[in-house]
Protein backbone atom coordinates (compact mmCIF):
# COMPACT_ATOMS: atom_id res chain seq x y z
CA MET A 1 0.00 0.00 0.00
CA ASN A 2 1.78 3.03 -1.25
CA GLY A 3 2.02 5.34 1.75
CA LYS A 4 -0.59 3.64 3.87
CA VAL A 5 -0.52 3.42 7.64
CA TRP A 6 -2.94 1.66 9.86
CA LEU A 7 -6.15 3.00 11.23
CA PHE A 8 -8.06 0.50 13.28
CA ALA A 9 -11.56 -0.01 14.59
CA LEU A 10 -11.75 0.69 18.32
CA ALA A 11 -15.37 -0.02 19.12
CA THR A 12 -18.85 -0.01 17.68
CA MET A 13 -22.32 0.86 18.80
CA CYS A 14 -24.52 -1.97 20.02
CA CYS A 15 -26.08 -4.00 17.27
CA GLY A 16 -29.70 -5.09 16.97
CA PRO A 17 -30.60 -8.27 18.84
CA ARG A 18 -31.75 -10.12 15.72
CA LEU A 19 -28.47 -9.78 13.84
CA VAL A 20 -25.71 -12.38 13.99
CA GLU A 21 -22.07 -11.49 13.42
CA VAL A 22 -19.14 -12.93 11.48
CA ASP A 23 -15.68 -11.49 12.17
CA ARG A 24 -12.82 -12.96 10.10
CA THR A 25 -9.28 -11.91 9.26
CA GLU A 26 -7.24 -13.23 6.33
CA PHE A 27 -4.00 -12.24 4.58
CA GLY A 28 -4.10 -10.35 1.28
CA PHE A 29 -2.78 -7.29 -0.51
CA GLY A 30 0.46 -7.62 1.46
CA SER A 31 -1.32 -7.17 4.80
CA TYR A 32 -4.35 -8.27 6.80
CA ILE A 33 -7.93 -8.10 5.59
CA ARG A 34 -10.64 -8.07 8.24
CA ILE A 35 -14.32 -8.42 7.44
CA LYS A 36 -16.82 -7.89 10.22
CA ALA A 37 -20.40 -8.30 9.01
CA LEU A 38 -23.86 -8.59 10.55
CA ALA A 39 -27.06 -10.04 9.10
CA PRO A 40 -30.09 -12.05 10.29
CA ASN A 41 -29.05 -15.30 8.60
CA LYS A 42 -25.76 -16.88 9.80
CA ALA A 43 -25.43 -19.38 6.93
CA LEU A 44 -26.00 -16.68 4.29
CA LEU A 45 -23.62 -14.39 6.13
CA ASN A 46 -20.82 -16.97 6.14
CA ARG A 47 -21.24 -17.67 2.42
CA THR A 48 -21.28 -13.98 1.55
CA VAL A 49 -18.20 -13.16 3.60
CA GLU A 50 -16.39 -16.08 1.95
CA LYS A 51 -17.30 -14.72 -1.49
CA ALA A 52 -16.16 -11.23 -0.51
CA PHE A 53 -12.75 -12.56 0.56
CA ALA A 54 -12.49 -14.58 -2.65
CA GLU A 55 -13.20 -11.50 -4.74
CA MET A 56 -10.54 -9.47 -2.95
CA PHE A 57 -8.00 -12.28 -3.40
CA ARG A 58 -8.87 -12.43 -7.12
CA LEU A 59 -8.30 -8.71 -7.54
CA ASP A 60 -5.03 -9.03 -5.64
CA THR A 61 -3.75 -11.53 -8.19
CA LEU A 62 -4.62 -9.15 -11.03
CA TRP A 63 -2.79 -6.15 -9.61
CA SER A 64 0.23 -7.61 -7.82
CA SER A 65 3.58 -6.26 -8.95
CA PHE A 66 5.25 -9.42 -7.59
CA LEU A 67 3.30 -12.17 -9.35
CA PRO A 68 4.91 -12.59 -12.79
CA GLY A 69 1.60 -13.56 -14.35
CA SER A 70 -0.46 -10.70 -12.93
CA GLU A 71 -1.93 -8.17 -15.32
CA VAL A 72 0.11 -5.33 -13.81
CA ALA A 73 3.38 -7.30 -13.96
CA THR A 74 2.66 -8.34 -17.55
CA LEU A 75 1.83 -4.77 -18.53
CA ASN A 76 5.03 -3.43 -16.94
CA ARG A 77 7.05 -6.09 -18.72
CA THR A 78 5.53 -5.72 -22.19
CA GLY A 79 4.31 -2.12 -22.29
CA ARG A 80 0.98 -3.21 -23.78
CA ALA A 81 -1.46 -5.87 -22.68
CA ALA A 82 -5.09 -6.86 -22.94
CA VAL A 83 -6.43 -6.67 -19.40
CA SER A 84 -9.66 -7.39 -17.57
CA SER A 85 -12.47 -4.88 -17.21
CA ASP A 86 -11.58 -4.66 -13.50
CA THR A 87 -8.06 -3.50 -14.28
CA ARG A 88 -9.24 -1.05 -16.91
CA GLU A 89 -11.78 0.40 -14.50
CA LEU A 90 -9.21 0.79 -11.73
CA ILE A 91 -6.66 2.43 -14.01
CA ASN A 92 -9.25 4.80 -15.49
CA GLU A 93 -10.41 5.84 -12.02
CA ALA A 94 -6.82 6.28 -10.85
CA LEU A 95 -5.94 8.41 -13.88
CA ARG A 96 -8.87 10.70 -13.09
CA VAL A 97 -7.45 11.30 -9.61
CA CYS A 98 -3.96 11.79 -11.06
CA ALA A 99 -5.33 14.57 -13.26
CA ALA A 100 -7.53 16.07 -10.52
CA THR A 101 -4.54 16.31 -8.14
CA ASP A 102 -2.18 17.69 -10.80
CA GLY A 103 -0.04 14.55 -10.61
CA ALA A 104 0.41 14.49 -6.84
CA LEU A 105 -0.96 10.99 -7.21
CA ASP A 106 0.85 9.38 -10.13
CA ILE A 107 0.51 5.66 -10.81
CA THR A 108 3.68 5.71 -12.96
CA VAL A 109 5.92 6.45 -9.95
CA LYS A 110 7.18 2.84 -9.87
CA PRO A 111 10.64 3.60 -11.43
CA VAL A 112 11.32 6.09 -8.62
CA LEU A 113 10.11 3.65 -5.96
CA ASN A 114 12.46 1.08 -7.49
CA ALA A 115 15.37 3.53 -7.31
CA TRP A 116 14.80 4.03 -3.59
CA GLY A 117 14.20 0.33 -2.99
CA PHE A 118 10.68 1.22 -1.86
CA THR A 119 8.86 -0.87 -4.46
CA SER A 120 5.42 -1.42 -3.00
CA ALA A 121 4.88 -4.77 -1.32
CA ALA A 122 1.17 -4.44 -1.95
CA PRO A 123 -1.00 -5.25 -3.74
CA GLY A 124 -0.10 -8.90 -3.83
CA GLY A 125 3.39 -8.71 -2.42
CA ASN A 126 4.98 -10.05 0.70
CA GLU A 127 6.72 -7.62 3.04
CA GLN A 128 9.66 -10.04 3.07
CA ASP A 129 10.14 -9.27 -0.63
CA VAL A 130 10.99 -5.66 0.18
CA THR A 131 13.44 -5.45 3.07
CA ARG A 132 15.14 -2.53 4.75
CA ASP A 133 18.43 -3.74 3.30
CA GLN A 134 17.15 -2.67 -0.12
CA TRP A 135 16.26 0.86 0.94
CA ARG A 136 18.84 3.42 -0.14
CA VAL A 137 19.34 6.96 -1.39
CA PRO A 138 19.78 6.75 -5.17
CA ASP A 139 22.48 8.81 -6.85
CA SER A 140 21.40 11.88 -8.78
CA VAL A 141 21.87 10.31 -12.22
CA GLU A 142 19.79 7.24 -11.37
CA LEU A 143 17.08 9.33 -9.76
CA ALA A 144 16.92 11.74 -12.70
CA ARG A 145 16.52 8.81 -15.08
CA ALA A 146 13.77 7.27 -12.96
CA ARG A 147 12.01 10.62 -12.55
CA SER A 148 12.00 11.15 -16.33
CA LEU A 149 9.80 8.08 -16.70
CA VAL A 150 7.08 9.38 -14.37
CA ASP A 151 4.08 10.83 -16.18
CA PHE A 152 0.59 9.41 -15.77
CA ARG A 153 -0.32 10.80 -19.18
CA GLN A 154 1.81 8.01 -20.68
CA VAL A 155 -0.84 5.48 -19.60
CA LEU A 156 -3.54 4.94 -22.22
CA VAL A 157 -6.61 2.72 -22.01
CA ARG A 158 -7.68 1.67 -25.48
CA GLY A 159 -10.46 -0.86 -25.92
CA ASP A 160 -9.61 -3.91 -23.85
CA SER A 161 -5.92 -3.00 -23.63
CA VAL A 162 -3.66 -0.68 -21.66
CA LEU A 163 -0.59 0.93 -23.24
CA LEU A 164 2.43 2.28 -21.38
CA LEU A 165 4.35 4.81 -23.48
CA GLU A 166 7.94 6.00 -23.10
CA ASP A 167 9.00 3.05 -20.89
CA ALA A 168 6.46 3.98 -18.20
CA GLN A 169 5.68 1.47 -15.45
CA ILE A 170 2.76 1.48 -13.05
CA ASP A 171 2.32 0.79 -9.36
CA LEU A 172 -1.27 0.61 -8.14
CA GLY A 173 -0.44 0.38 -4.44
CA ALA A 174 -2.04 3.75 -3.66
CA VAL A 175 -5.41 2.84 -5.14
CA ALA A 176 -5.87 -0.92 -5.49
CA VAL A 177 -6.73 -1.80 -1.90
CA GLY A 178 -9.41 0.85 -1.62
CA PHE A 179 -10.96 -0.28 -4.89
CA ALA A 180 -11.04 -3.89 -3.68
CA VAL A 181 -12.61 -2.87 -0.36
CA ASP A 182 -15.38 -1.07 -2.24
CA ARG A 183 -16.03 -4.12 -4.41
CA ALA A 184 -16.30 -6.36 -1.34
CA VAL A 185 -18.67 -3.92 0.37
CA GLU A 186 -20.88 -3.89 -2.73
CA MET A 187 -21.03 -7.69 -2.67
CA LEU A 188 -21.98 -7.79 0.99
CA GLN A 189 -24.69 -5.19 0.59
CA ALA A 190 -26.12 -6.84 -2.53
CA ALA A 191 -26.45 -10.11 -0.60
CA GLY A 192 -28.45 -8.45 2.16
CA VAL A 193 -25.78 -7.92 4.80
CA ASN A 194 -27.17 -5.19 7.05
CA GLN A 195 -24.04 -3.76 8.65
CA GLY A 196 -20.33 -4.24 8.31
CA LEU A 197 -16.74 -3.11 8.32
CA ILE A 198 -13.90 -4.03 6.00
CA ASP A 199 -10.39 -3.12 7.12
CA ALA A 200 -7.64 -3.95 4.62
CA GLY A 201 -4.38 -2.93 6.26
CA GLY A 202 -5.91 0.34 7.45
CA ASP A 203 -8.07 1.14 4.43
CA ILE A 204 -11.44 1.01 6.16
CA ARG A 205 -15.01 1.26 4.95
CA VAL A 206 -18.11 0.84 7.12
CA PHE A 207 -21.72 0.51 6.05
CA GLY A 208 -25.20 0.10 7.46
CA ASP A 209 -27.30 1.81 10.13
CA ARG A 210 -24.54 1.84 12.72
CA ASP A 211 -21.80 4.15 13.99
CA TRP A 212 -18.22 2.91 14.19
CA LYS A 213 -15.34 4.46 16.12
CA ILE A 214 -12.08 4.53 14.17
CA GLY A 215 -8.83 5.43 15.92
CA LEU A 216 -5.98 7.43 14.37
CA LYS A 217 -2.44 6.52 15.45
CA ASN A 218 -0.11 9.21 16.74
CA PRO A 219 2.50 9.64 13.97
CA ARG A 220 5.16 10.73 16.46
CA GLY A 221 4.39 8.59 19.47
CA GLU A 222 2.31 5.83 20.96
CA GLY A 223 -1.42 5.43 21.17
CA VAL A 224 -4.40 7.05 19.51
CA ILE A 225 -4.62 10.82 19.17
CA ARG A 226 -8.00 11.09 17.46
CA VAL A 227 -11.18 9.05 17.25
CA PHE A 228 -13.55 9.39 14.30
CA ARG A 229 -17.18 8.33 14.61
CA VAL A 230 -18.22 7.27 11.11
CA ARG A 231 -21.25 5.82 9.38
CA ASN A 232 -21.45 4.71 5.75
CA ARG A 233 -18.03 6.16 4.98
CA ALA A 234 -14.46 5.16 4.31
CA VAL A 235 -11.34 6.25 6.21
CA SER A 236 -7.72 5.99 5.11
CA THR A 237 -4.42 7.45 6.38
CA SER A 238 -1.05 8.02 4.74
CA GLY A 239 1.94 8.72 6.99
CA ASP A 240 5.72 9.00 6.97
CA TYR A 241 6.44 6.69 9.92
CA GLU A 242 5.49 3.19 8.78
CA LYS A 243 8.26 2.58 6.24
CA PHE A 244 11.38 4.73 6.47
CA PHE A 245 15.14 4.66 6.94
CA GLU A 246 17.84 7.08 8.04
CA ALA A 247 21.07 7.91 6.20
CA ASP A 248 23.65 10.64 6.86
CA GLY A 249 21.41 12.23 9.46
CA HIS A 250 18.38 12.41 7.18
CA ARG A 251 15.13 10.49 7.44
CA TYR A 252 13.68 9.10 4.21
CA HIS A 253 10.22 7.55 3.88
CA HIS A 254 8.39 5.85 1.05
CA ILE A 255 5.71 8.37 0.06
CA ILE A 256 7.36 9.86 -2.99
CA ASP A 257 6.64 13.28 -4.46
CA PRO A 258 6.41 12.48 -8.21
CA CYS A 259 7.55 16.02 -9.04
CA THR A 260 10.89 15.80 -7.21
CA GLY A 261 11.51 12.07 -6.93
CA TYR A 262 12.20 12.53 -3.21
CA PRO A 263 10.02 11.65 -0.23
CA ALA A 264 7.27 14.22 0.30
CA ASP A 265 8.08 16.42 3.29
CA LYS A 266 5.05 18.60 3.99
CA CYS A 267 3.07 16.27 6.30
CA ALA A 268 3.45 13.69 9.04
CA SER A 269 0.10 12.06 8.30
CA VAL A 270 -3.03 12.66 6.27
CA THR A 271 -6.40 11.10 7.04
CA ILE A 272 -9.18 11.19 4.47
CA LEU A 273 -12.85 10.47 5.11
CA ALA A 274 -14.77 9.83 1.91
CA PRO A 275 -17.81 8.04 0.50
CA THR A 276 -15.64 5.27 -0.96
CA ALA A 277 -12.47 3.50 0.10
CA PHE A 278 -10.96 4.13 -3.33
CA ALA A 279 -11.33 7.90 -2.93
CA ALA A 280 -10.01 7.84 0.64
CA ASP A 281 -7.06 5.67 -0.40
CA ALA A 282 -6.08 7.77 -3.42
CA TYR A 283 -6.52 11.19 -1.85
CA ALA A 284 -4.64 10.26 1.33
CA THR A 285 -1.51 9.83 -0.78
CA ALA A 286 -2.18 12.85 -3.00
CA VAL A 287 -2.81 15.24 -0.11
CA PHE A 288 0.28 13.99 1.69
CA VAL A 289 2.33 15.00 -1.36
CA LEU A 290 0.55 18.34 -1.84
CA GLY A 291 0.70 19.43 1.79
CA PRO A 292 -2.00 21.05 3.93
CA ASP A 293 -2.71 24.17 1.87
CA LYS A 294 -3.01 22.80 -1.66
CA GLY A 295 -4.13 19.41 -0.40
CA LEU A 296 -7.12 20.71 1.52
CA GLU A 297 -8.11 22.77 -1.51
CA LYS A 298 -8.31 19.56 -3.52
CA VAL A 299 -10.32 17.84 -0.79
CA ARG A 300 -12.87 20.66 -0.68
CA GLU A 301 -13.45 20.16 -4.40
CA GLN A 302 -14.67 16.59 -3.75
CA GLU A 303 -18.24 16.02 -2.60
CA GLY A 304 -18.54 14.25 0.74
CA MET A 305 -14.80 14.26 1.44
CA ALA A 306 -12.99 15.57 4.52
CA ALA A 307 -9.39 15.56 5.70
CA VAL A 308 -7.26 15.83 8.82
CA VAL A 309 -3.62 16.72 8.13
CA LEU A 310 -0.93 16.53 10.81
CA VAL A 311 2.28 18.49 10.27
CA ASP A 312 5.42 17.97 12.35
CA SER A 313 6.59 21.36 13.61
CA ARG A 314 9.49 19.74 15.54
CA ASP A 315 8.16 20.34 19.05
CA SER A 316 4.49 19.59 18.31
CA LEU A 317 1.99 18.43 15.73
CA GLU A 318 -0.02 21.09 13.95
CA THR A 319 -3.49 20.10 12.76
CA TYR A 320 -5.15 21.30 9.57
CA GLU A 321 -8.58 20.03 8.62
CA THR A 322 -11.74 20.51 6.66
CA GLY A 323 -15.19 20.23 8.14
CA ARG A 324 -16.64 16.72 8.38
């Protein structure tokens, strides 16, 4: 998950007495996936949750950068490939956000991530595939070459195929998990599941006539510094403290500014609340790159979206936010 840190469900309101609950956690998208769902029929609920997990695992295999046969890996290797409607839809939606955020989100940032050794371990990867031993500061020539390949406008969707121009490569880690969460929520709702929560490594979406309390981790210390009460919304956070290394007295993290090729340095964490997990996922990364001023401007342009941005001012955390 490109730039994702973990929110987590703290507690929920009491559920109706006639609803039964299924609460399962599996591994996928390089992290955990938790589905907590409530419905009147336990057998139907179990079958539906199983199908939701299966769908998320299927999408994971399409978009993994680590599986040689995945559609993303094939596309990066060949520069042109016929892909599924799911992959085309995800890429089209991601490109819209890339344009709306003036490239702060850019799905062609993979060459720069490679240069830093920060190649996303999700979707589909294993954290053991990307170790701290691989993280490094690239030299200026290597970084300039990698940066020259970053331009989301080099990704074209034509018919059933996707084309990557000018040696572009894509990484969908900043958008894929949220998209998969939304798909699973849609499946649960269509099957008659009344209430639920899906948490995929911190990309969270809740639904139904129920309030959920979601805790935000302190980016510079222990514990929770904020609790959001949400209903029928998604929450996602990007931060600079989950994957980072230090070299020559400098701290480098894995949320890359596509414009400079260096880690973005305007925020400590960004939390987005949005109608969909895809939007929350994508804009959390984009706003982190843009910083509080330009980032919150972009958030205010989106219907139903809100943001909380924490900025490290050395001796304290400054908070910038939109209304919720």
